[in-house]
PDB file of N, CA and C in Angstrom:
ATOM      1  N   MET A   1      26.866 -78.729  28.446  1.00  0.00           N
ATOM      2  CA  MET A   1      25.678 -77.909  28.365  1.00  0.00           C
ATOM      3  C   MET A   1      26.045 -76.417  28.343  1.00  0.00           C
ATOM      4  N   ILE A   2      26.944 -76.007  29.233  1.00  0.00           N
ATOM      5  CA  ILE A   2      27.336 -74.598  29.292  1.00  0.00           C
ATOM      6  C   ILE A   2      28.053 -74.189  28.009  1.00  0.00           C
ATOM      7  N   LYS A   3      28.913 -75.071  27.496  1.00  0.00           N
ATOM      8  CA  LYS A   3      29.643 -74.773  26.260  1.00  0.00           C
ATOM      9  C   LYS A   3      28.666 -74.601  25.097  1.00  0.00           C
ATOM     10  N   HIS A   4      27.662 -75.463  25.030  1.00  0.00           N
ATOM     11  CA  HIS A   4      26.649 -75.380  23.971  1.00  0.00           C
ATOM     12  C   HIS A   4      25.907 -74.054  24.058  1.00  0.00           C
ATOM     13  N   TRP A   5      25.523 -73.659  25.273  1.00  0.00           N
ATOM     14  CA  TRP A   5      24.799 -72.410  25.472  1.00  0.00           C
ATOM     15  C   TRP A   5      25.655 -71.215  25.060  1.00  0.00           C
ATOM     16  N   ALA A   6      26.931 -71.243  25.402  1.00  0.00           N
ATOM     17  CA  ALA A   6      27.835 -70.145  25.054  1.00  0.00           C
ATOM     18  C   ALA A   6      27.977 -70.015  23.543  1.00  0.00           C
ATOM     19  N   MET A   7      28.073 -71.148  22.854  1.00  0.00           N
ATOM     20  CA  MET A   7      28.174 -71.121  21.393  1.00  0.00           C
ATOM     21  C   MET A   7      26.897 -70.553  20.787  1.00  0.00           C
ATOM     22  N   LYS A   8      25.761 -70.951  21.318  1.00  0.00           N
ATOM     23  CA  LYS A   8      24.473 -70.481  20.814  1.00  0.00           C
ATOM     24  C   LYS A   8      24.337 -68.977  21.035  1.00  0.00           C
ATOM     25  N   CYS A   9      24.758 -68.520  22.199  1.00  0.00           N
ATOM     26  CA  CYS A   9      24.701 -67.102  22.538  1.00  0.00           C
ATOM     27  C   CYS A   9      25.595 -66.296  21.591  1.00  0.00           C
ATOM     28  N   HIS A  10      26.787 -66.807  21.297  1.00  0.00           N
ATOM     29  CA  HIS A  10      27.725 -66.144  20.390  1.00  0.00           C
ATOM     30  C   HIS A  10      27.127 -66.062  18.987  1.00  0.00           C
ATOM     31  N   HIS A  11      26.524 -67.140  18.523  1.00  0.00           N
ATOM     32  CA  HIS A  11      25.899 -67.162  17.198  1.00  0.00           C
ATOM     33  C   HIS A  11      24.755 -66.158  17.139  1.00  0.00           C
ATOM     34  N   ARG A  12      23.950 -66.125  18.186  1.00  0.00           N
ATOM     35  CA  ARG A  12      22.817 -65.209  18.249  1.00  0.00           C
ATOM     36  C   ARG A  12      23.294 -63.759  18.197  1.00  0.00           C
ATOM     37  N   PHE A  13      24.407 -63.473  18.866  1.00  0.00           N
ATOM     38  CA  PHE A  13      24.998 -62.135  18.833  1.00  0.00           C
ATOM     39  C   PHE A  13      25.305 -61.732  17.397  1.00  0.00           C
ATOM     40  N   TRP A  14      25.959 -62.628  16.643  1.00  0.00           N
ATOM     41  CA  TRP A  14      26.340 -62.297  15.271  1.00  0.00           C
ATOM     42  C   TRP A  14      25.141 -62.156  14.355  1.00  0.00           C
ATOM     43  N   VAL A  15      24.093 -62.942  14.577  1.00  0.00           N
ATOM     44  CA  VAL A  15      22.876 -62.827  13.763  1.00  0.00           C
ATOM     45  C   VAL A  15      22.266 -61.441  13.959  1.00  0.00           C
ATOM     46  N   HIS A  16      22.150 -61.014  15.204  1.00  0.00           N
ATOM     47  CA  HIS A  16      21.559 -59.706  15.476  1.00  0.00           C
ATOM     48  C   HIS A  16      22.475 -58.564  15.037  1.00  0.00           C
ATOM     49  N   LYS A  17      23.769 -58.723  15.215  1.00  0.00           N
ATOM     50  CA  LYS A  17      24.720 -57.697  14.787  1.00  0.00           C
ATOM     51  C   LYS A  17      24.648 -57.510  13.271  1.00  0.00           C
ATOM     52  N   THR A  18      24.590 -58.617  12.526  1.00  0.00           N
ATOM     53  CA  THR A  18      24.484 -58.553  11.069  1.00  0.00           C
ATOM     54  C   THR A  18      23.197 -57.856  10.657  1.00  0.00           C
ATOM     55  N   ALA A  19      22.090 -58.193  11.298  1.00  0.00           N
ATOM     56  CA  ALA A  19      20.804 -57.575  10.978  1.00  0.00           C
ATOM     57  C   ALA A  19      20.834 -56.077  11.268  1.00  0.00           C
ATOM     58  N   ASN A  20      21.412 -55.686  12.391  1.00  0.00           N
ATOM     59  CA  ASN A  20      21.472 -54.265  12.750  1.00  0.00           C
ATOM     60  C   ASN A  20      22.321 -53.471  11.767  1.00  0.00           C
ATOM     61  N   VAL A  21      23.457 -54.009  11.385  1.00  0.00           N
ATOM     62  CA  VAL A  21      24.325 -53.326  10.428  1.00  0.00           C
ATOM     63  C   VAL A  21      23.644 -53.280   9.067  1.00  0.00           C
ATOM     64  N   SER A  22      23.006 -54.360   8.689  1.00  0.00           N
ATOM     65  CA  SER A  22      22.319 -54.450   7.404  1.00  0.00           C
ATOM     66  C   SER A  22      21.220 -53.395   7.280  1.00  0.00           C
ATOM     67  N   ASN A  23      20.548 -53.110   8.370  1.00  0.00           N
ATOM     68  CA  ASN A  23      19.476 -52.114   8.352  1.00  0.00           C
ATOM     69  C   ASN A  23      19.996 -50.695   8.167  1.00  0.00           C
ATOM     70  N   LYS A  24      21.271 -50.473   8.388  1.00  0.00           N
ATOM     71  CA  LYS A  24      21.847 -49.125   8.314  1.00  0.00           C
ATOM     72  C   LYS A  24      22.446 -48.795   6.951  1.00  0.00           C
ATOM     73  N   VAL A  25      22.575 -49.778   6.066  1.00  0.00           N
ATOM     74  CA  VAL A  25      23.182 -49.518   4.755  1.00  0.00           C
ATOM     75  C   VAL A  25      22.123 -49.597   3.660  1.00  0.00           C
ATOM     76  N   LEU A  26      22.461 -49.053   2.505  1.00  0.00           N
ATOM     77  CA  LEU A  26      21.542 -49.083   1.372  1.00  0.00           C
ATOM     78  C   LEU A  26      21.265 -50.519   0.940  1.00  0.00           C
ATOM     79  N   LYS A  27      20.067 -50.754   0.412  1.00  0.00           N
ATOM     80  CA  LYS A  27      19.673 -52.101  -0.025  1.00  0.00           C
ATOM     81  C   LYS A  27      20.636 -52.647  -1.076  1.00  0.00           C
ATOM     82  N   ALA A  28      21.148 -51.785  -1.941  1.00  0.00           N
ATOM     83  CA  ALA A  28      22.059 -52.224  -2.998  1.00  0.00           C
ATOM     84  C   ALA A  28      23.395 -52.710  -2.440  1.00  0.00           C
ATOM     85  N   VAL A  29      23.777 -52.232  -1.277  1.00  0.00           N
ATOM     86  CA  VAL A  29      25.066 -52.564  -0.677  1.00  0.00           C
ATOM     87  C   VAL A  29      24.965 -53.789   0.234  1.00  0.00           C
ATOM     88  N   GLN A  30      23.768 -54.140   0.674  1.00  0.00           N
ATOM     89  CA  GLN A  30      23.580 -55.191   1.672  1.00  0.00           C
ATOM     90  C   GLN A  30      24.211 -56.538   1.322  1.00  0.00           C
ATOM     91  N   PRO A  31      24.053 -57.062   0.098  1.00  0.00           N
ATOM     92  CA  PRO A  31      24.676 -58.372  -0.191  1.00  0.00           C
ATOM     93  C   PRO A  31      26.199 -58.367  -0.025  1.00  0.00           C
ATOM     94  N   LYS A  32      26.875 -57.322  -0.518  1.00  0.00           N
ATOM     95  CA  LYS A  32      28.336 -57.245  -0.381  1.00  0.00           C
ATOM     96  C   LYS A  32      28.736 -57.072   1.081  1.00  0.00           C
ATOM     97  N   MET A  33      27.964 -56.275   1.810  1.00  0.00           N
ATOM     98  CA  MET A  33      28.247 -56.048   3.220  1.00  0.00           C
ATOM     99  C   MET A  33      28.089 -57.347   4.000  1.00  0.00           C
ATOM    100  N   LYS A  34      27.075 -58.115   3.668  1.00  0.00           N
ATOM    101  CA  LYS A  34      26.830 -59.384   4.353  1.00  0.00           C
ATOM    102  C   LYS A  34      27.990 -60.358   4.110  1.00  0.00           C
ATOM    103  N   GLU A  35      28.475 -60.404   2.878  1.00  0.00           N
ATOM    104  CA  GLU A  35      29.629 -61.255   2.555  1.00  0.00           C
ATOM    105  C   GLU A  35      30.857 -60.822   3.357  1.00  0.00           C
ATOM    106  N   ALA A  36      31.072 -59.515   3.439  1.00  0.00           N
ATOM    107  CA  ALA A  36      32.230 -58.999   4.175  1.00  0.00           C
ATOM    108  C   ALA A  36      32.127 -59.352   5.656  1.00  0.00           C
ATOM    109  N   LEU A  37      30.941 -59.269   6.231  1.00  0.00           N
ATOM    110  CA  LEU A  37      30.762 -59.627   7.634  1.00  0.00           C
ATOM    111  C   LEU A  37      30.992 -61.113   7.861  1.00  0.00           C
ATOM    112  N   HIS A  38      30.594 -61.939   6.901  1.00  0.00           N
ATOM    113  CA  HIS A  38      30.812 -63.378   7.040  1.00  0.00           C
ATOM    114  C   HIS A  38      32.296 -63.725   6.990  1.00  0.00           C
ATOM    115  N   ASP A  39      33.081 -62.897   6.289  1.00  0.00           N
ATOM    116  CA  ASP A  39      34.528 -63.125   6.234  1.00  0.00           C
ATOM    117  C   ASP A  39      35.196 -62.855   7.581  1.00  0.00           C
ATOM    118  N   ILE A  40      34.566 -62.014   8.376  1.00  0.00           N
ATOM    119  CA  ILE A  40      35.099 -61.714   9.719  1.00  0.00           C
ATOM    120  C   ILE A  40      34.827 -62.892  10.552  1.00  0.00           C
TER     121      ILE A  40
END
């Protein structure tokens, strides 16, 4: 149960981090930026 929660929390962190970074770049750059973040 704790391991599942930790994984969910980690995933949630990356979802919000991606959204926050995405909001700071130009709309034209967002798809490439999103791909680059997924590579990390």
